[in-house]
């Protein structure tokens, strides 16, 4: 659990691999940079990245289900 997840009480609903930081001095990817946070009341139905649209980030597609 990350610090932002502990503070917000939300959890990450994406599953992105680590990426390279802006500086090319780092030899390995360090952390995921694109997130969707949701309360524990939601579960993930589907998650994926979409085709690039001209940004340095990939669009993230997430379908959530509200748990009862």
N, C-alpha and C. Protein backbone atom coordinates (compact mmCIF):
# COMPACT_ATOMS: atom_id res chain seq x y z
N UNK A 1 0.85 -1.17 0.00
CA UNK A 1 0.00 0.00 0.00
C UNK A 1 0.90 1.24 0.00
N UNK A 2 0.58 2.18 -0.87
CA UNK A 2 1.39 3.39 -0.96
C UNK A 2 0.95 4.42 0.08
N UNK A 3 1.75 5.43 0.26
CA UNK A 3 1.43 6.49 1.22
C UNK A 3 0.12 7.18 0.84
N UNK A 4 -0.05 7.49 -0.46
CA UNK A 4 -1.28 8.18 -0.86
C UNK A 4 -2.51 7.29 -0.65
N UNK A 5 -2.34 5.98 -0.76
CA UNK A 5 -3.46 5.08 -0.51
C UNK A 5 -3.80 5.05 0.99
N UNK A 6 -2.79 5.06 1.83
CA UNK A 6 -3.04 5.08 3.28
C UNK A 6 -3.73 6.37 3.70
N UNK A 7 -3.26 7.50 3.19
CA UNK A 7 -3.82 8.80 3.58
C UNK A 7 -5.24 8.97 3.06
N UNK A 8 -5.48 8.61 1.80
CA UNK A 8 -6.79 8.83 1.19
C UNK A 8 -7.79 7.73 1.51
N UNK A 9 -7.30 6.59 1.97
CA UNK A 9 -8.12 5.39 2.19
C UNK A 9 -8.69 4.83 0.90
N UNK A 10 -8.10 5.23 -0.22
CA UNK A 10 -8.44 4.66 -1.53
C UNK A 10 -7.35 3.68 -1.91
N UNK A 11 -7.67 2.78 -2.82
CA UNK A 11 -6.65 1.85 -3.29
C UNK A 11 -6.50 1.96 -4.80
N UNK A 12 -5.34 1.61 -5.27
CA UNK A 12 -5.06 1.69 -6.70
C UNK A 12 -5.85 0.61 -7.43
N UNK A 13 -6.51 1.00 -8.51
CA UNK A 13 -7.30 0.05 -9.30
C UNK A 13 -6.64 -0.22 -10.64
N UNK A 14 -5.46 0.33 -10.85
CA UNK A 14 -4.73 0.06 -12.09
C UNK A 14 -3.58 -0.88 -11.77
N UNK A 15 -3.09 -1.48 -12.78
CA UNK A 15 -1.99 -2.42 -12.61
C UNK A 15 -0.96 -2.12 -13.67
N UNK A 16 -0.28 -1.01 -13.50
CA UNK A 16 0.68 -0.57 -14.50
C UNK A 16 2.08 -0.99 -14.10
N UNK A 17 2.89 -1.37 -15.06
CA UNK A 17 4.28 -1.70 -14.74
C UNK A 17 5.06 -0.43 -14.43
N UNK A 18 6.18 -0.54 -13.75
CA UNK A 18 7.01 0.63 -13.50
C UNK A 18 7.48 1.27 -14.80
N UNK A 19 7.74 2.55 -14.72
CA UNK A 19 8.20 3.29 -15.89
C UNK A 19 9.49 4.03 -15.55
N UNK A 20 10.15 4.53 -16.57
CA UNK A 20 11.38 5.28 -16.34
C UNK A 20 11.05 6.69 -15.87
N UNK A 21 11.78 7.19 -14.89
CA UNK A 21 11.62 8.59 -14.50
C UNK A 21 12.15 9.50 -15.61
N UNK A 22 11.86 10.76 -15.51
CA UNK A 22 12.24 11.72 -16.56
C UNK A 22 13.74 11.70 -16.81
N UNK A 23 14.52 11.59 -15.75
CA UNK A 23 15.98 11.58 -15.89
C UNK A 23 16.43 10.22 -16.41
N UNK A 24 17.24 10.22 -17.45
CA UNK A 24 17.73 8.96 -18.01
C UNK A 24 18.90 8.39 -17.21
N UNK A 25 19.26 9.03 -16.13
CA UNK A 25 20.35 8.53 -15.29
C UNK A 25 19.95 7.28 -14.52
N UNK A 26 18.65 7.04 -14.37
CA UNK A 26 18.20 5.87 -13.62
C UNK A 26 18.30 4.64 -14.51
N UNK A 27 18.94 3.57 -14.05
CA UNK A 27 19.16 2.39 -14.90
C UNK A 27 17.94 1.48 -15.08
N UNK A 28 16.97 1.56 -14.16
CA UNK A 28 15.80 0.67 -14.25
C UNK A 28 14.52 1.46 -13.99
N UNK A 29 13.39 0.98 -14.50
CA UNK A 29 12.11 1.63 -14.18
C UNK A 29 11.87 1.60 -12.67
N UNK A 30 11.27 2.66 -12.14
CA UNK A 30 11.11 2.76 -10.70
C UNK A 30 9.68 2.61 -10.20
N UNK A 31 8.71 3.23 -10.85
CA UNK A 31 7.37 3.26 -10.29
C UNK A 31 6.34 3.51 -11.37
N UNK A 32 5.11 3.04 -11.16
CA UNK A 32 4.04 3.36 -12.10
C UNK A 32 3.63 4.82 -11.93
N UNK A 33 3.24 5.47 -13.01
CA UNK A 33 2.91 6.89 -12.92
C UNK A 33 1.45 7.20 -13.20
N UNK A 34 0.71 6.29 -13.75
CA UNK A 34 -0.70 6.54 -14.05
C UNK A 34 -1.56 5.67 -13.13
N UNK A 35 -2.50 6.31 -12.45
CA UNK A 35 -3.29 5.60 -11.44
C UNK A 35 -4.77 5.93 -11.58
N UNK A 36 -5.57 5.05 -11.07
CA UNK A 36 -6.97 5.32 -10.78
C UNK A 36 -7.16 4.85 -9.36
N UNK A 37 -7.56 5.76 -8.49
CA UNK A 37 -7.80 5.40 -7.10
C UNK A 37 -9.30 5.37 -6.86
N UNK A 38 -9.75 4.39 -6.10
CA UNK A 38 -11.17 4.27 -5.77
C UNK A 38 -11.30 3.72 -4.36
N UNK A 39 -12.44 3.96 -3.77
CA UNK A 39 -12.68 3.45 -2.42
C UNK A 39 -12.79 1.93 -2.46
N UNK A 40 -12.65 1.29 -1.32
CA UNK A 40 -12.78 -0.17 -1.27
C UNK A 40 -14.16 -0.67 -1.67
N UNK A 41 -15.13 0.23 -1.83
CA UNK A 41 -16.48 -0.17 -2.23
C UNK A 41 -16.55 -0.61 -3.69
N UNK A 42 -15.47 -0.39 -4.44
CA UNK A 42 -15.45 -0.73 -5.86
C UNK A 42 -14.50 -1.88 -6.13
N UNK A 43 -14.85 -2.70 -7.10
CA UNK A 43 -13.93 -3.73 -7.59
C UNK A 43 -13.74 -3.53 -9.08
N UNK A 44 -12.63 -4.01 -9.58
CA UNK A 44 -12.28 -3.83 -10.98
C UNK A 44 -12.93 -4.93 -11.82
N UNK A 45 -13.65 -4.50 -12.86
CA UNK A 45 -14.23 -5.43 -13.83
C UNK A 45 -13.26 -5.61 -14.99
N UNK A 46 -12.68 -4.50 -15.43
CA UNK A 46 -11.74 -4.54 -16.55
C UNK A 46 -10.76 -3.38 -16.40
N UNK A 47 -9.50 -3.61 -16.80
CA UNK A 47 -8.52 -2.53 -16.82
C UNK A 47 -7.53 -2.80 -17.94
N UNK A 48 -7.18 -1.74 -18.64
CA UNK A 48 -6.20 -1.86 -19.73
C UNK A 48 -5.74 -0.47 -20.14
N UNK A 49 -4.66 -0.42 -20.87
CA UNK A 49 -4.22 0.83 -21.46
C UNK A 49 -4.67 0.84 -22.92
N UNK A 50 -4.95 2.04 -23.41
CA UNK A 50 -5.40 2.22 -24.78
C UNK A 50 -4.24 2.68 -25.65
N UNK A 51 -4.49 2.80 -26.92
CA UNK A 51 -3.47 3.26 -27.86
C UNK A 51 -3.05 4.70 -27.53
N UNK A 52 -1.81 5.06 -27.79
CA UNK A 52 -1.34 6.43 -27.54
C UNK A 52 -2.16 7.46 -28.31
N UNK A 53 -2.33 8.63 -27.69
CA UNK A 53 -3.11 9.70 -28.32
C UNK A 53 -2.33 11.01 -28.38
N UNK A 54 -1.01 10.93 -28.37
CA UNK A 54 -0.20 12.14 -28.50
C UNK A 54 0.29 12.69 -27.18
N UNK A 55 0.23 11.92 -26.14
CA UNK A 55 0.72 12.34 -24.83
C UNK A 55 1.90 11.44 -24.45
N UNK A 56 2.61 11.82 -23.40
CA UNK A 56 3.66 10.93 -22.90
C UNK A 56 3.10 9.91 -21.92
N UNK A 57 1.78 9.86 -21.77
CA UNK A 57 1.09 8.87 -20.95
C UNK A 57 0.12 8.11 -21.83
N UNK A 58 -0.07 6.85 -21.52
CA UNK A 58 -1.09 6.08 -22.23
C UNK A 58 -2.44 6.28 -21.54
N UNK A 59 -3.52 6.35 -22.30
CA UNK A 59 -4.85 6.42 -21.68
C UNK A 59 -5.11 5.13 -20.89
N UNK A 60 -5.75 5.27 -19.76
CA UNK A 60 -6.08 4.12 -18.92
C UNK A 60 -7.58 3.91 -18.95
N UNK A 61 -8.01 2.70 -19.30
CA UNK A 61 -9.43 2.35 -19.34
C UNK A 61 -9.70 1.42 -18.16
N UNK A 62 -10.63 1.83 -17.29
CA UNK A 62 -10.97 1.00 -16.13
C UNK A 62 -12.48 0.96 -16.01
N UNK A 63 -13.03 -0.25 -15.88
CA UNK A 63 -14.46 -0.43 -15.62
C UNK A 63 -14.57 -0.93 -14.18
N UNK A 64 -15.35 -0.21 -13.39
CA UNK A 64 -15.51 -0.55 -11.98
C UNK A 64 -16.92 -1.06 -11.70
N UNK A 65 -17.04 -1.84 -10.66
CA UNK A 65 -18.33 -2.32 -10.19
C UNK A 65 -18.50 -1.86 -8.75
N UNK A 66 -19.65 -1.29 -8.46
CA UNK A 66 -19.94 -0.87 -7.09
C UNK A 66 -20.41 -2.09 -6.31
N UNK A 67 -19.64 -2.47 -5.31
CA UNK A 67 -19.98 -3.65 -4.51
C UNK A 67 -21.08 -3.28 -3.51
N UNK A 68 -21.95 -4.22 -3.27
CA UNK A 68 -23.05 -3.97 -2.30
C UNK A 68 -22.69 -4.49 -0.94
